[in-house]
Amino acid sequence: MNTTLLFTSFLAGMLTVLAPCVLPILPVIVGGTAGTHDKRRPFVIALSLVGSVILFTLVLKASALLIDIPQNFWLYISSSIILLFGLFTLWPELWEYISARSGFLGGSQQLLGTAGKKAQNESLLGAGLLGAALGPVFSSCSPTYFVILATILPVSFAVGILYLFVYGIGLAIVLLAIAYYGQRLTQKLTWAANPHGLFRRGLGVLLILVGLAIVTGVEKKIELALIDAGFGTTNIEERLLESTQEKPAAAQAENVQTTDMLPHLYPAPELSGLTNWLHNEPIESLAALKGKVVLIDFWTYSCINCIRTLPYIQSWHEDYTDSGLVILGLHAPEFQFEHKPENVAKAVKDFGLTYPIAQDNDFATWRAYNNHYWPAKYLIDRDGFVRYTHFGEGEYDETEAAIAELLGEEVKQNAVTATLVNSRKIGTPEIYLGTARRANFVANAAQLRANEWTLSGDWQAADERILTQAASAQLRLKFTAAVAHLVIGGTGTVKVSIDGAAPTTANAGADIIDGVVTLDSERLYELANFGGEYATHEITLEFQDADIAAYAWTFG
């Protein structure tokens, strides 16, 4: 167990309430306890919210069917509950009328009087429902939460639950303090308890506005404005998370005295949690491959760094399989759409890959190898020892030489048709557009500096993507590279301009035809290609349809 990550989980829970995606809805917490005298109500709201976050997490991991449920579905449910609370707070007579007509409260005449109003205002059931409604909103505001969700829970359910519980404790402490002191403050204001007073009606209006802000996406726009202003806590978390990551095993290993050129680094960890095998029957363990040399390649199909390595891996499969090499392409998804077997199968076919490939959707084998990179290669000898590792692109000759050595073969040195890049000349790093890892975003920018990007038109922001809400939404970026790619999902078309003009044969990417990209699947699209000329350019995308998602820019 990683004690630093345990502490980070606790701190992340406390910091979550200051995250840009939470600040706009804190009034709901205060409003839920204002004007009441029941000391249990702050506890109920805070604990039900934390319970909702944990339950929501487990539901997401329990069923792969939820992959296709839009993220907004949960926000619509949350905002609907908040809107109802706002309406009933603004017009308490409405609740009394509905209760009496429906028989929810047994038709008791007492509930139509003062006691009934008090019961409605201080209902612990209502407090719990209000807290639970906020769970899906809070559960998307912390990088630590995503680490627990994506990589820890799948490998060790018990450890993942522990980290999630500690995260919840940190979150509950701060929420409880906000709810409790908000209640204490309003208790001193006797007029705040009057269900028909201006204060309570004002809270009702506030709840309605928050609910509308969530359902219409205004809450996300406020979040973006806060992020753009430099407000947020995710940088603190990300620095702490970096300190929790152990170095890759290959980097830790000391040189082992051996008669071979390649040292015995460590026994290869076992395969785990692999599904949806292609080109091979399921391989349950490395023991089934004993006597073979095995190359494990962790990759994901929308990653440009992975894509550029695939021709070499396919070539090694063709050249050395008969000599005893087995290549296992373990697909570990970066984005949600990469979990889908049909998407992976299509990508494998499009790339022309024929070696065994399996999906590591829960990162079980990824974690077993303590891996942190796309792509990453682990070369295992016939006795089950890892003898060579390589992370990222390049060093193809060295990797092939290691394969040949373990096989006792001469290096084939067959020519490979692949894209080569000069990474030192690429001046723009990978840029994520979703709020969880966003960088270099500038709101309403007329002029862009190097590596900056901006949006215009109607957009909705989510954790790993941005989504067009109407036609003519624009995305602009200033980058330094020879090639620009964007991960896009949805159906429709995108009009492209480069340096203020329509693309030409000298700069159009492979996916552009007559200045337009026609989207055919969720994948990486090449939008600009300057044929090896590394320079600074500005690209503008005009999306012609709604519900098109953009995820991340990568460069070559």
Protein backbone atom coordinates (compact mmCIF):
# COMPACT_ATOMS: atom_id res chain seq x y z
CA MET A 1 0.00 0.00 0.00
CA ASN A 2 1.27 3.47 -0.89
CA THR A 3 1.07 5.68 2.23
CA THR A 4 1.78 8.83 0.21
CA LEU A 5 -1.19 8.09 -2.06
CA LEU A 6 -3.27 7.40 1.05
CA PHE A 7 -2.40 10.88 2.36
CA THR A 8 -2.95 12.38 -1.10
CA SER A 9 -6.41 10.78 -1.22
CA PHE A 10 -7.31 12.40 2.11
CA LEU A 11 -5.93 15.79 1.08
CA ALA A 12 -7.62 15.55 -2.32
CA GLY A 13 -10.97 15.00 -0.61
CA MET A 14 -10.48 18.15 1.43
CA LEU A 15 -9.32 20.18 -1.57
CA THR A 16 -12.19 19.01 -3.78
CA VAL A 17 -14.58 21.58 -2.27
CA LEU A 18 -12.27 24.32 -3.58
CA ALA A 19 -12.11 22.87 -7.09
CA PRO A 20 -13.55 25.09 -9.84
CA CYS A 21 -16.23 22.51 -10.63
CA VAL A 22 -17.51 22.50 -7.03
CA LEU A 23 -17.39 26.15 -5.99
CA PRO A 24 -20.49 27.14 -8.02
CA ILE A 25 -22.65 24.56 -6.17
CA LEU A 26 -21.45 25.15 -2.59
CA PRO A 27 -24.54 27.32 -1.98
CA VAL A 28 -26.60 24.12 -2.21
CA ILE A 29 -24.76 22.73 0.84
CA VAL A 30 -25.29 25.91 2.85
CA GLY A 31 -28.87 26.30 1.64
CA GLY A 32 -29.69 22.73 2.60
CA THR A 33 -29.06 23.43 6.30
CA ALA A 34 -29.98 27.11 6.56
CA GLY A 35 -32.82 28.04 8.88
CA THR A 36 -33.17 24.60 10.51
CA HIS A 37 -32.53 23.50 14.12
CA ASP A 38 -31.91 19.80 13.63
CA LYS A 39 -28.19 19.28 14.35
CA ARG A 40 -28.29 16.01 12.47
CA ARG A 41 -29.06 17.67 9.15
CA PRO A 42 -25.47 18.84 8.31
CA PHE A 43 -24.21 15.32 9.03
CA VAL A 44 -26.89 13.77 6.83
CA ILE A 45 -26.16 16.08 3.89
CA ALA A 46 -22.38 15.68 4.11
CA LEU A 47 -22.38 11.91 4.65
CA SER A 48 -25.03 11.21 2.01
CA LEU A 49 -23.00 13.21 -0.51
CA VAL A 50 -19.84 11.23 0.30
CA GLY A 51 -21.82 7.99 0.17
CA SER A 52 -23.19 9.00 -3.20
CA VAL A 53 -19.67 9.62 -4.56
CA ILE A 54 -18.51 6.16 -3.44
CA LEU A 55 -21.69 4.42 -4.67
CA PHE A 56 -21.53 6.25 -8.00
CA THR A 57 -17.91 5.09 -8.40
CA LEU A 58 -18.78 1.45 -7.71
CA VAL A 59 -21.72 1.53 -10.12
CA LEU A 60 -19.44 2.89 -12.86
CA LYS A 61 -16.93 0.09 -12.31
CA ALA A 62 -19.57 -2.62 -11.87
CA SER A 63 -21.12 -2.39 -15.31
CA ALA A 64 -19.42 -1.83 -18.64
CA LEU A 65 -22.85 -0.91 -20.01
CA LEU A 66 -22.50 2.48 -18.38
CA ILE A 67 -19.76 3.35 -20.87
CA ASP A 68 -22.45 4.27 -23.37
CA ILE A 69 -24.59 6.27 -20.94
CA PRO A 70 -23.87 9.97 -21.56
CA GLN A 71 -22.11 11.71 -18.69
CA ASN A 72 -24.83 14.37 -18.76
CA PHE A 73 -27.42 11.75 -17.79
CA TRP A 74 -26.26 11.79 -14.18
CA LEU A 75 -25.99 15.58 -14.11
CA TYR A 76 -29.56 15.88 -15.39
CA ILE A 77 -30.78 13.70 -12.51
CA SER A 78 -28.79 15.75 -9.99
CA SER A 79 -29.95 19.08 -11.37
CA SER A 80 -33.58 17.89 -11.44
CA ILE A 81 -33.47 17.03 -7.73
CA ILE A 82 -31.85 20.37 -6.90
CA LEU A 83 -34.48 22.19 -8.99
CA LEU A 84 -37.29 20.43 -7.11
CA PHE A 85 -35.76 21.39 -3.77
CA GLY A 86 -35.49 24.96 -4.99
CA LEU A 87 -39.13 25.03 -6.09
CA PHE A 88 -40.35 23.58 -2.78
CA THR A 89 -38.18 26.02 -0.82
CA LEU A 90 -39.42 28.97 -2.85
CA TRP A 91 -43.06 27.83 -2.63
CA PRO A 92 -43.51 25.59 0.46
CA GLU A 93 -47.26 25.56 -0.24
CA LEU A 94 -46.50 23.57 -3.39
CA TRP A 95 -44.97 20.75 -1.34
CA GLU A 96 -47.85 20.79 1.11
CA TYR A 97 -50.34 20.61 -1.76
CA ILE A 98 -48.53 17.73 -3.49
CA SER A 99 -48.13 15.85 -0.20
CA ALA A 100 -51.80 16.18 0.66
CA ARG A 101 -53.00 15.22 -2.84
CA SER A 102 -50.66 12.26 -3.15
CA GLY A 103 -51.14 10.94 0.38
CA PHE A 104 -47.37 10.85 0.97
CA LEU A 105 -47.93 12.16 4.48
CA GLY A 106 -51.14 10.30 5.21
CA GLY A 107 -53.34 13.33 4.68
CA SER A 108 -52.80 14.43 8.25
CA GLN A 109 -54.27 17.83 8.94
CA GLN A 110 -51.33 18.56 11.21
CA LEU A 111 -49.01 18.59 8.21
CA LEU A 112 -50.97 21.47 6.73
CA GLY A 113 -50.09 23.60 9.75
CA THR A 114 -46.91 24.95 11.26
CA ALA A 115 -45.63 21.54 12.31
CA GLY A 116 -45.98 20.32 8.75
CA LYS A 117 -43.91 23.19 7.44
CA LYS A 118 -41.26 22.45 10.04
CA ALA A 119 -41.29 18.76 9.14
CA GLN A 120 -40.83 19.61 5.49
CA ASN A 121 -38.02 22.03 6.22
CA GLU A 122 -36.14 19.67 8.52
CA SER A 123 -36.82 16.36 6.82
CA LEU A 124 -33.75 14.17 7.17
CA LEU A 125 -34.89 12.17 4.18
CA GLY A 126 -34.91 15.33 2.10
CA ALA A 127 -31.47 16.29 3.39
CA GLY A 128 -30.12 12.88 2.42
CA LEU A 129 -31.65 13.10 -1.04
CA LEU A 130 -30.19 16.57 -1.56
CA GLY A 131 -26.70 15.41 -0.55
CA ALA A 132 -26.92 12.29 -2.72
CA ALA A 133 -27.95 14.38 -5.74
CA LEU A 134 -24.57 16.13 -5.68
CA GLY A 135 -22.48 12.93 -5.79
CA PRO A 136 -22.10 12.72 -9.59
CA VAL A 137 -21.00 16.37 -9.68
CA PHE A 138 -18.37 16.02 -6.93
CA SER A 139 -17.03 12.73 -8.31
CA SER A 140 -15.47 14.37 -11.37
CA CYS A 141 -13.41 17.09 -9.71
CA SER A 142 -10.20 15.44 -8.54
CA PRO A 143 -7.22 13.92 -10.41
CA THR A 144 -6.70 11.61 -7.41
CA TYR A 145 -10.25 10.32 -7.79
CA PHE A 146 -9.51 9.39 -11.41
CA VAL A 147 -6.31 7.55 -10.41
CA ILE A 148 -8.28 5.49 -7.87
CA LEU A 149 -11.10 4.84 -10.35
CA ALA A 150 -9.00 3.89 -13.37
CA THR A 151 -5.95 2.10 -12.00
CA ILE A 152 -6.29 1.04 -8.35
CA LEU A 153 -9.83 -0.34 -8.01
CA PRO A 154 -9.42 -2.77 -10.95
CA VAL A 155 -6.27 -4.31 -9.47
CA SER A 156 -7.18 -4.46 -5.79
CA PHE A 157 -10.80 -3.85 -4.90
CA ALA A 158 -10.06 -3.71 -1.17
CA VAL A 159 -7.17 -1.23 -1.52
CA GLY A 160 -9.17 0.87 -3.98
CA ILE A 161 -12.12 1.03 -1.59
CA LEU A 162 -9.74 2.04 1.21
CA TYR A 163 -8.30 4.91 -0.85
CA LEU A 164 -11.82 5.93 -1.89
CA PHE A 165 -13.00 5.82 1.72
CA VAL A 166 -10.07 7.99 2.85
CA TYR A 167 -10.84 10.40 0.00
CA GLY A 168 -14.44 10.48 1.26
CA ILE A 169 -13.33 11.22 4.84
CA GLY A 170 -11.36 14.26 3.68
CA LEU A 171 -14.32 15.44 1.62
CA ALA A 172 -16.80 14.85 4.48
CA ILE A 173 -14.77 16.84 7.03
CA VAL A 174 -14.80 20.01 4.95
CA LEU A 175 -18.42 19.58 3.81
CA LEU A 176 -19.52 19.00 7.39
CA ALA A 177 -17.75 22.17 8.51
CA ILE A 178 -19.41 24.19 5.74
CA ALA A 179 -22.87 22.75 6.47
CA TYR A 180 -22.54 23.00 10.26
CA TYR A 181 -21.28 26.58 10.41
CA GLY A 182 -23.74 27.62 7.74
CA GLN A 183 -26.52 26.27 9.97
CA ARG A 184 -25.08 27.95 13.08
CA LEU A 185 -24.96 31.28 11.30
CA THR A 186 -28.54 31.14 10.07
CA GLN A 187 -29.82 29.98 13.46
CA LYS A 188 -28.73 33.32 14.89
CA LEU A 189 -30.89 35.00 12.30
CA THR A 190 -34.38 34.17 13.59
CA TRP A 191 -36.05 35.50 10.46
CA ALA A 192 -34.12 32.91 8.41
CA ALA A 193 -36.32 30.08 9.77
CA ASN A 194 -39.56 31.56 8.39
CA PRO A 195 -40.46 29.29 5.44
CA HIS A 196 -42.35 32.17 3.80
CA GLY A 197 -39.69 34.81 4.53
CA LEU A 198 -37.46 36.51 1.99
CA PHE A 199 -34.37 34.61 3.16
CA ARG A 200 -35.88 31.16 2.56
CA ARG A 201 -37.35 32.25 -0.74
CA GLY A 202 -33.96 33.64 -1.72
CA LEU A 203 -32.41 30.25 -0.99
CA GLY A 204 -35.07 28.70 -3.17
CA VAL A 205 -34.13 31.00 -6.04
CA LEU A 206 -30.45 30.18 -5.48
CA LEU A 207 -31.13 26.43 -5.62
CA ILE A 208 -33.12 26.86 -8.82
CA LEU A 209 -30.32 28.89 -10.40
CA VAL A 210 -27.73 26.25 -9.44
CA GLY A 211 -29.92 23.49 -10.87
CA LEU A 212 -30.40 25.40 -14.11
CA ALA A 213 -26.67 26.18 -14.29
CA ILE A 214 -25.85 22.46 -14.10
CA VAL A 215 -28.42 21.31 -16.65
CA THR A 216 -27.62 24.08 -19.16
CA GLY A 217 -23.84 23.82 -18.86
CA VAL A 218 -23.41 27.30 -17.36
CA GLU A 219 -21.82 25.69 -14.29
CA LYS A 220 -19.09 24.27 -16.56
CA LYS A 221 -18.53 27.69 -18.13
CA ILE A 222 -18.07 29.18 -14.65
CA GLU A 223 -15.62 26.35 -13.95
CA LEU A 224 -13.67 27.18 -17.14
CA ALA A 225 -13.55 30.85 -16.18
CA LEU A 226 -12.15 29.94 -12.74
CA ILE A 227 -9.54 27.65 -14.32
CA ASP A 228 -8.58 30.33 -16.83
CA ALA A 229 -8.19 32.80 -13.96
CA GLY A 230 -5.67 30.42 -12.40
CA PHE A 231 -7.91 29.30 -9.54
CA GLY A 232 -7.88 25.64 -8.65
CA THR A 233 -6.30 22.92 -6.57
CA THR A 234 -5.53 20.23 -9.15
CA ASN A 235 -1.89 21.33 -9.55
CA ILE A 236 -1.26 20.55 -5.88
CA GLU A 237 -2.78 17.10 -6.31
CA GLU A 238 -0.87 16.40 -9.52
CA ARG A 239 2.47 17.22 -7.87
CA LEU A 240 1.61 14.90 -4.97
CA LEU A 241 0.50 12.16 -7.39
CA GLU A 242 3.80 12.39 -9.24
CA SER A 243 5.60 11.70 -5.96
CA THR A 244 3.50 8.55 -5.39
CA GLN A 245 4.51 6.94 -8.68
CA GLU A 246 7.40 4.53 -8.38
CA LYS A 247 9.96 4.57 -11.12
CA PRO A 248 9.49 1.87 -13.74
CA ALA A 249 10.97 -1.42 -12.67
CA ALA A 250 13.60 -1.31 -15.40
CA ALA A 251 14.88 2.01 -14.12
CA GLN A 252 15.15 0.67 -10.55
CA ALA A 253 17.00 -2.50 -11.41
CA GLU A 254 20.68 -2.64 -10.63
CA ASN A 255 23.09 -4.12 -13.12
CA VAL A 256 23.15 -7.86 -12.61
CA GLN A 257 26.37 -9.73 -13.27
CA THR A 258 25.58 -12.12 -16.10
CA THR A 259 27.33 -13.70 -19.03
CA ASP A 260 24.64 -12.30 -21.34
CA MET A 261 24.65 -8.80 -22.76
CA LEU A 262 21.12 -8.27 -21.37
CA PRO A 263 20.80 -8.38 -17.55
CA HIS A 264 18.13 -10.43 -15.78
CA LEU A 265 16.05 -7.54 -14.46
CA TYR A 266 13.30 -9.38 -12.53
CA PRO A 267 10.77 -12.22 -12.92
CA ALA A 268 8.03 -11.16 -15.31
CA PRO A 269 4.75 -10.33 -13.53
CA GLU A 270 1.81 -12.49 -14.52
CA LEU A 271 -0.91 -11.52 -16.99
CA SER A 272 -4.18 -10.44 -15.38
CA GLY A 273 -7.62 -9.18 -16.36
CA LEU A 274 -7.16 -9.41 -20.14
CA THR A 275 -10.29 -9.67 -22.30
CA ASN A 276 -11.48 -9.54 -25.92
CA TRP A 277 -8.52 -11.30 -27.49
CA LEU A 278 -7.85 -10.81 -31.21
CA HIS A 279 -5.82 -13.16 -33.44
CA ASN A 280 -5.38 -15.69 -30.65
CA GLU A 281 -7.19 -17.80 -28.10
CA PRO A 282 -7.10 -16.21 -24.62
CA ILE A 283 -3.69 -16.59 -22.98
CA GLU A 284 -4.32 -17.04 -19.27
CA SER A 285 -0.73 -16.86 -18.06
CA LEU A 286 2.87 -16.47 -19.17
CA ALA A 287 3.42 -20.06 -18.07
CA ALA A 288 1.56 -21.11 -21.22
CA LEU A 289 4.29 -19.33 -23.21
CA LYS A 290 7.29 -20.78 -21.39
CA GLY A 291 10.03 -21.56 -23.87
CA LYS A 292 9.01 -18.59 -25.99
CA VAL A 293 10.49 -15.09 -26.05
CA VAL A 294 7.63 -12.69 -25.26
CA LEU A 295 7.39 -8.99 -26.10
CA ILE A 296 4.63 -7.18 -24.21
CA ASP A 297 3.59 -3.84 -25.72
CA PHE A 298 1.25 -1.56 -23.76
CA TRP A 299 -0.53 0.75 -26.19
CA THR A 300 -3.79 2.57 -26.90
CA TYR A 301 -5.15 3.16 -30.36
CA SER A 302 -5.61 6.96 -30.31
CA CYS A 303 -2.06 7.63 -29.05
CA ILE A 304 0.18 8.99 -31.82
CA ASN A 305 3.32 7.79 -30.03
CA CYS A 306 1.88 4.27 -30.00
CA ILE A 307 0.72 4.48 -33.62
CA ARG A 308 4.20 5.40 -34.86
CA THR A 309 5.68 2.27 -33.21
CA LEU A 310 3.16 -0.21 -34.65
CA PRO A 311 4.86 -0.79 -38.05
CA TYR A 312 8.02 -1.90 -36.25
CA ILE A 313 6.14 -4.25 -33.92
CA GLN A 314 4.23 -5.78 -36.84
CA SER A 315 7.53 -6.23 -38.71
CA TRP A 316 9.11 -8.06 -35.74
CA HIS A 317 6.03 -10.30 -35.55
CA GLU A 318 6.43 -11.23 -39.21
CA ASP A 319 10.21 -11.68 -39.02
CA TYR A 320 10.66 -13.58 -35.74
CA THR A 321 7.47 -15.52 -34.96
CA ASP A 322 8.84 -18.68 -36.56
CA SER A 323 11.95 -18.35 -34.39
CA GLY A 324 9.92 -18.37 -31.16
CA LEU A 325 8.85 -14.75 -30.60
CA VAL A 326 5.34 -14.04 -29.27
CA ILE A 327 4.17 -10.42 -29.25
CA LEU A 328 1.29 -9.48 -26.95
CA GLY A 329 -0.27 -6.09 -27.70
CA LEU A 330 -2.05 -5.11 -24.49
CA HIS A 331 -4.48 -2.28 -25.18
CA ALA A 332 -4.86 -0.05 -22.10
CA PRO A 333 -7.40 2.73 -22.83
CA GLU A 334 -6.69 6.40 -22.23
CA PHE A 335 -10.16 7.65 -23.11
CA GLN A 336 -13.55 6.17 -22.33
CA PHE A 337 -14.39 5.28 -25.94
CA GLU A 338 -11.24 3.17 -26.12
CA HIS A 339 -12.87 0.62 -23.77
CA LYS A 340 -15.21 -0.50 -26.54
CA PRO A 341 -14.17 -3.80 -28.16
CA GLU A 342 -15.60 -2.79 -31.54
CA ASN A 343 -13.47 0.38 -31.60
CA VAL A 344 -10.30 -1.52 -30.75
CA ALA A 345 -11.06 -4.24 -33.32
CA LYS A 346 -11.58 -1.61 -36.04
CA ALA A 347 -8.33 0.15 -35.15
CA VAL A 348 -6.40 -3.13 -35.19
CA LYS A 349 -7.77 -3.89 -38.64
CA ASP A 350 -7.06 -0.37 -39.93
CA PHE A 351 -3.46 -0.55 -38.67
CA GLY A 352 -2.99 -3.98 -40.27
CA LEU A 353 -1.90 -5.69 -37.05
CA THR A 354 -1.94 -9.49 -36.99
CA TYR A 355 -0.21 -10.42 -33.70
CA PRO A 356 -2.20 -11.34 -30.53
CA ILE A 357 -3.94 -8.35 -28.95
CA ALA A 358 -6.06 -8.15 -25.80
CA GLN A 359 -7.78 -5.37 -23.89
CA ASP A 360 -6.49 -4.41 -20.44
CA ASN A 361 -9.51 -2.20 -19.74
CA ASP A 362 -9.10 -2.36 -15.97
CA PHE A 363 -5.31 -1.81 -16.12
CA ALA A 364 -4.74 -5.04 -14.20
CA THR A 365 -1.64 -6.17 -16.13
CA TRP A 366 -0.55 -2.53 -16.53
CA ARG A 367 -0.45 -2.22 -12.72
CA ALA A 368 1.20 -5.60 -12.31
CA TYR A 369 4.11 -4.27 -14.40
CA ASN A 370 4.06 -0.93 -12.56
CA ASN A 371 3.77 0.70 -15.95
CA HIS A 372 3.21 4.43 -16.45
CA TYR A 373 3.66 4.95 -20.18
CA TRP A 374 2.12 4.63 -23.64
CA PRO A 375 3.80 2.92 -25.40
CA ALA A 376 5.88 0.62 -23.18
CA LYS A 377 7.69 -2.59 -24.12
CA TYR A 378 8.79 -5.42 -21.84
CA LEU A 379 10.92 -8.20 -23.36
CA ILE A 380 10.75 -11.53 -21.51
CA ASP A 381 13.14 -14.45 -22.08
CA ARG A 382 12.31 -18.14 -22.39
CA ASP A 383 12.65 -18.63 -18.63
CA GLY A 384 10.18 -15.88 -17.71
CA PHE A 385 12.59 -13.05 -16.80
CA VAL A 386 12.23 -9.46 -18.00
CA ARG A 387 15.49 -8.76 -19.81
CA TYR A 388 14.85 -5.45 -21.60
CA THR A 389 12.41 -2.55 -21.40
CA HIS A 390 11.77 0.53 -23.48
CA PHE A 391 9.32 3.38 -22.93
CA GLY A 392 8.10 5.70 -25.66
CA GLU A 393 9.19 5.84 -29.28
CA GLY A 394 12.58 5.21 -30.87
CA GLU A 395 15.49 2.82 -30.25
CA TYR A 396 13.97 0.34 -32.69
CA ASP A 397 17.36 -1.09 -33.67
CA GLU A 398 18.24 -1.67 -30.00
CA THR A 399 14.91 -3.35 -29.34
CA GLU A 400 15.24 -5.61 -32.37
CA ALA A 401 18.80 -6.49 -31.36
CA ALA A 402 17.56 -7.51 -27.90
CA ILE A 403 14.86 -9.70 -29.47
CA ALA A 404 17.39 -11.36 -31.76
CA GLU A 405 19.82 -11.98 -28.90
CA LEU A 406 17.24 -13.76 -26.76
CA LEU A 407 16.16 -15.83 -29.76
CA GLY A 408 19.73 -16.65 -30.69
CA GLU A 409 19.10 -15.22 -34.15
CA GLU A 410 20.79 -12.75 -36.43
CA VAL A 411 19.08 -9.36 -36.73
CA LYS A 412 16.88 -9.32 -39.85
CA GLN A 413 17.21 -5.56 -40.45
CA ASN A 414 14.30 -5.50 -42.86
CA ALA A 415 13.18 -2.06 -43.98
CA VAL A 416 10.13 -0.68 -42.16
CA THR A 417 7.85 1.97 -43.61
CA ALA A 418 7.06 4.25 -40.68
CA THR A 419 6.81 7.91 -39.75
CA LEU A 420 9.94 9.35 -38.15
CA VAL A 421 9.87 12.56 -36.14
CA ASN A 422 12.44 14.91 -34.69
CA SER A 423 11.06 15.36 -31.20
CA ARG A 424 13.55 18.13 -30.41
CA LYS A 425 11.94 20.31 -33.08
CA ILE A 426 8.39 19.81 -31.79
CA GLY A 427 7.69 22.91 -29.73
CA THR A 428 4.16 22.08 -28.54
CA PRO A 429 3.46 19.35 -25.99
CA GLU A 430 0.40 17.13 -26.01
CA ILE A 431 -2.61 19.29 -25.10
CA TYR A 432 -5.67 17.82 -23.37
CA LEU A 433 -8.94 19.70 -23.84
CA GLY A 434 -11.03 18.20 -21.03
CA THR A 435 -11.07 19.96 -17.68
CA ALA A 436 -9.27 17.16 -15.79
CA ARG A 437 -5.91 17.80 -17.53
CA ARG A 438 -6.45 21.05 -19.38
CA ALA A 439 -3.53 23.38 -20.05
CA ASN A 440 -2.79 26.54 -22.10
CA PHE A 441 -6.47 27.43 -22.55
CA VAL A 442 -7.21 31.14 -23.05
CA ALA A 443 -10.82 32.31 -22.97
CA ASN A 444 -12.09 34.66 -25.68
CA ALA A 445 -8.63 35.24 -27.13
CA ALA A 446 -8.38 37.33 -30.29
CA GLN A 447 -4.64 36.65 -30.60
CA LEU A 448 -2.94 33.45 -29.52
CA ARG A 449 0.61 32.99 -28.32
CA ALA A 450 2.59 29.80 -28.93
CA ASN A 451 0.86 26.65 -27.59
CA GLU A 452 -2.30 28.50 -26.58
CA TRP A 453 -5.82 27.53 -27.67
CA THR A 454 -9.27 29.03 -27.38
CA LEU A 455 -12.92 28.29 -28.10
CA SER A 456 -15.81 30.22 -29.58
CA GLY A 457 -19.42 29.25 -30.03
CA ASP A 458 -21.47 26.88 -27.91
CA TRP A 459 -19.39 24.24 -26.10
CA GLN A 460 -19.86 21.99 -23.11
CA ALA A 461 -16.78 20.97 -21.13
CA ALA A 462 -16.33 17.63 -19.39
CA ASP A 463 -13.45 15.89 -17.67
CA GLU A 464 -11.79 14.27 -20.71
CA ARG A 465 -13.38 16.13 -23.62
CA ILE A 466 -15.18 19.19 -24.91
CA LEU A 467 -18.46 18.76 -26.80
CA THR A 468 -20.07 20.99 -29.41
CA GLN A 469 -23.61 22.05 -28.50
CA ALA A 470 -24.46 23.61 -31.88
CA ALA A 471 -23.05 24.03 -35.36
CA SER A 472 -20.32 26.61 -36.08
CA ALA A 473 -18.49 26.10 -32.76
CA GLN A 474 -14.79 26.87 -33.29
CA LEU A 475 -11.51 25.65 -31.83
CA ARG A 476 -8.27 27.53 -32.52
CA LEU A 477 -4.71 26.49 -31.66
CA LYS A 478 -1.23 27.93 -32.21
CA PHE A 479 1.36 25.14 -32.38
CA THR A 480 4.95 24.46 -33.35
CA ALA A 481 5.42 21.15 -35.19
CA ALA A 482 5.37 19.60 -38.65
CA VAL A 483 2.18 17.59 -38.10
CA ALA A 484 -0.90 18.21 -35.93
CA HIS A 485 -3.40 15.53 -34.87
CA LEU A 486 -6.60 15.76 -32.85
CA VAL A 487 -8.56 12.96 -31.18
CA ILE A 488 -12.20 13.47 -32.22
CA GLY A 489 -15.42 11.52 -31.71
CA GLY A 490 -18.91 11.85 -33.11
CA THR A 491 -20.45 12.16 -36.55
CA GLY A 492 -20.45 15.12 -38.89
CA THR A 493 -17.91 17.33 -40.60
CA VAL A 494 -15.23 19.78 -39.54
CA LYS A 495 -14.03 22.67 -41.71
CA VAL A 496 -10.31 23.36 -41.36
CA SER A 497 -8.25 26.47 -42.03
CA ILE A 498 -4.48 26.74 -41.56
CA ASP A 499 -2.81 30.11 -41.04
CA GLY A 500 -6.03 31.82 -42.05
CA ALA A 501 -6.45 30.04 -45.38
CA ALA A 502 -7.90 26.82 -46.74
CA PRO A 503 -5.55 23.81 -46.53
CA THR A 504 -3.44 23.06 -49.58
CA THR A 505 -1.59 19.96 -50.74
CA ALA A 506 1.47 21.41 -48.99
CA ASN A 507 -0.07 21.48 -45.51
CA ALA A 508 -3.31 19.44 -45.42
CA GLY A 509 -3.43 16.45 -43.12
CA ALA A 510 -4.23 12.98 -44.43
CA ASP A 511 -7.82 13.15 -43.15
CA ILE A 512 -8.67 16.40 -44.96
CA ILE A 513 -10.50 16.37 -48.30
CA ASP A 514 -11.25 19.75 -49.90
CA GLY A 515 -10.66 21.52 -46.60
CA VAL A 516 -13.10 19.32 -44.66
CA VAL A 517 -12.73 16.36 -42.32
CA THR A 518 -15.59 13.84 -42.41
CA LEU A 519 -15.76 12.02 -39.10
CA ASP A 520 -16.15 8.25 -39.40
CA SER A 521 -15.25 6.99 -35.92
CA GLU A 522 -13.77 7.91 -32.56
CA ARG A 523 -10.07 8.12 -33.35
CA LEU A 524 -7.00 10.26 -34.01
CA TYR A 525 -7.32 12.52 -37.09
CA GLU A 526 -4.37 14.07 -38.93
CA LEU A 527 -5.35 17.69 -39.63
CA ALA A 528 -2.12 19.39 -40.72
CA ASN A 529 1.06 18.04 -42.30
CA PHE A 530 3.84 20.34 -43.48
CA GLY A 531 6.00 17.55 -44.91
CA GLY A 532 8.85 17.72 -42.42
CA GLU A 533 8.90 21.51 -42.00
CA TYR A 534 8.86 22.33 -38.29
CA ALA A 535 7.44 25.80 -37.75
CA THR A 536 4.75 27.72 -35.86
CA HIS A 537 1.24 27.76 -37.35
CA GLU A 538 -2.33 28.52 -36.32
CA ILE A 539 -5.11 26.07 -37.10
CA THR A 540 -8.83 26.80 -36.86
CA LEU A 541 -11.52 24.13 -36.75
CA GLU A 542 -15.17 24.97 -37.39
CA PHE A 543 -17.44 22.11 -36.35
CA GLN A 544 -20.47 21.85 -38.61
CA ASP A 545 -22.58 19.72 -36.26
CA ALA A 546 -23.55 19.39 -32.60
CA ASP A 547 -22.43 16.53 -30.34
CA ILE A 548 -18.90 16.29 -31.72
CA ALA A 549 -16.29 15.62 -29.02
CA ALA A 550 -12.66 16.78 -29.08
CA TYR A 551 -10.19 15.20 -26.66
CA ALA A 552 -6.49 15.97 -27.17
CA TRP A 553 -3.97 17.46 -29.59
CA THR A 554 -0.77 15.58 -30.39
CA PHE A 555 2.07 16.51 -32.73
CA GLY A 556 4.76 15.20 -35.01
